[in-house]
């Protein structure tokens, strides 16, 4: 089976943990295409989504082989952890 492209919108939220406030991932959303994911990033940038930040992550996945390709981050907004490409 050939690899398929997966595009994930990953939001992040701030959460209090004792005296500290930590950035943690919210529920990831599988998007139809890159345009759908980047529209969601625009909503984060404009304040229409109430999250600390978000990233769009794209990769090729071969589920049959249990393999995934290089991770790409085509868009991000707000507070996010660092992901190197």
Protein backbone atom coordinates (compact mmCIF):
# COMPACT_ATOMS: atom_id res chain seq x y z
CA UNK A 1 0.00 0.00 0.00
CA UNK A 2 1.29 3.46 -0.85
CA UNK A 3 1.86 6.14 1.73
CA UNK A 4 -0.93 8.65 2.30
CA UNK A 5 -0.55 12.23 3.43
CA UNK A 6 -1.82 13.10 6.93
CA UNK A 7 -2.43 16.70 7.91
CA UNK A 8 -3.02 17.36 11.60
CA UNK A 9 -4.12 20.57 13.34
CA UNK A 10 -2.60 20.45 16.84
CA UNK A 11 -3.89 23.06 19.32
CA UNK A 12 -2.13 23.91 22.60
CA UNK A 13 -3.58 25.26 25.84
CA UNK A 14 -2.15 26.70 29.05
CA UNK A 15 -2.93 24.67 32.19
CA UNK A 16 -2.14 25.45 35.82
CA UNK A 17 -0.20 22.76 37.64
CA UNK A 18 0.36 23.80 41.22
CA UNK A 19 2.30 27.06 41.09
CA UNK A 20 3.38 26.53 37.49
CA UNK A 21 1.52 27.12 34.25
CA UNK A 22 2.38 24.60 31.55
CA UNK A 23 1.69 24.42 27.84
CA UNK A 24 0.03 21.15 26.88
CA UNK A 25 -1.45 19.72 23.71
CA UNK A 26 -5.19 19.73 23.15
CA UNK A 27 -7.17 17.29 21.02
CA UNK A 28 -5.57 16.89 17.59
CA UNK A 29 -7.81 17.28 14.53
CA UNK A 30 -7.21 15.36 11.29
CA UNK A 31 -7.85 17.80 8.43
CA UNK A 32 -9.13 17.12 4.90
CA UNK A 33 -6.32 19.10 3.29
CA UNK A 34 -3.67 21.73 3.98
CA UNK A 35 -6.06 24.58 3.21
CA UNK A 36 -8.49 23.38 5.90
CA UNK A 37 -5.66 23.20 8.45
CA UNK A 38 -4.28 26.63 7.53
CA UNK A 39 -7.78 28.15 7.85
CA UNK A 40 -7.80 26.87 11.42
CA UNK A 41 -4.40 28.51 12.01
CA UNK A 42 -5.86 31.80 10.73
CA UNK A 43 -8.68 31.48 13.30
CA UNK A 44 -6.08 31.06 16.05
CA UNK A 45 -4.16 34.12 14.79
CA UNK A 46 -7.31 36.25 14.69
CA UNK A 47 -8.50 35.13 18.14
CA UNK A 48 -11.56 33.24 16.85
CA UNK A 49 -10.30 30.03 18.51
CA UNK A 50 -9.52 30.34 22.21
CA UNK A 51 -6.30 28.34 22.44
CA UNK A 52 -2.78 29.39 23.41
CA UNK A 53 -1.48 28.40 19.98
CA UNK A 54 -1.56 25.74 17.29
CA UNK A 55 0.54 24.01 14.65
CA UNK A 56 -0.23 22.27 11.38
CA UNK A 57 1.79 19.07 10.99
CA UNK A 58 2.06 17.19 7.69
CA UNK A 59 3.63 13.79 7.06
CA UNK A 60 3.37 10.79 4.75
CA UNK A 61 2.12 7.65 6.53
CA UNK A 62 2.24 4.04 5.36
CA UNK A 63 -0.06 2.32 7.85
CA UNK A 64 0.51 -1.14 6.38
CA UNK A 65 4.27 -0.88 6.85
CA UNK A 66 3.93 1.07 10.12
CA UNK A 67 6.14 3.82 8.73
CA UNK A 68 5.91 7.59 8.50
CA UNK A 69 7.92 10.10 6.53
CA UNK A 70 9.55 13.39 7.45
CA UNK A 71 7.54 15.75 9.62
CA UNK A 72 6.71 19.16 8.11
CA UNK A 73 5.24 22.15 9.95
CA UNK A 74 3.64 24.33 7.24
CA UNK A 75 2.00 26.71 9.71
CA UNK A 76 1.82 27.76 13.35
CA UNK A 77 0.38 30.56 15.47
CA UNK A 78 0.58 31.64 19.09
CA UNK A 79 2.40 29.74 21.81
CA UNK A 80 3.67 26.35 20.62
CA UNK A 81 6.50 24.02 21.54
CA UNK A 82 9.46 24.00 19.20
CA UNK A 83 9.41 21.29 16.52
CA UNK A 84 12.43 21.24 14.26
CA UNK A 85 11.99 20.29 10.63
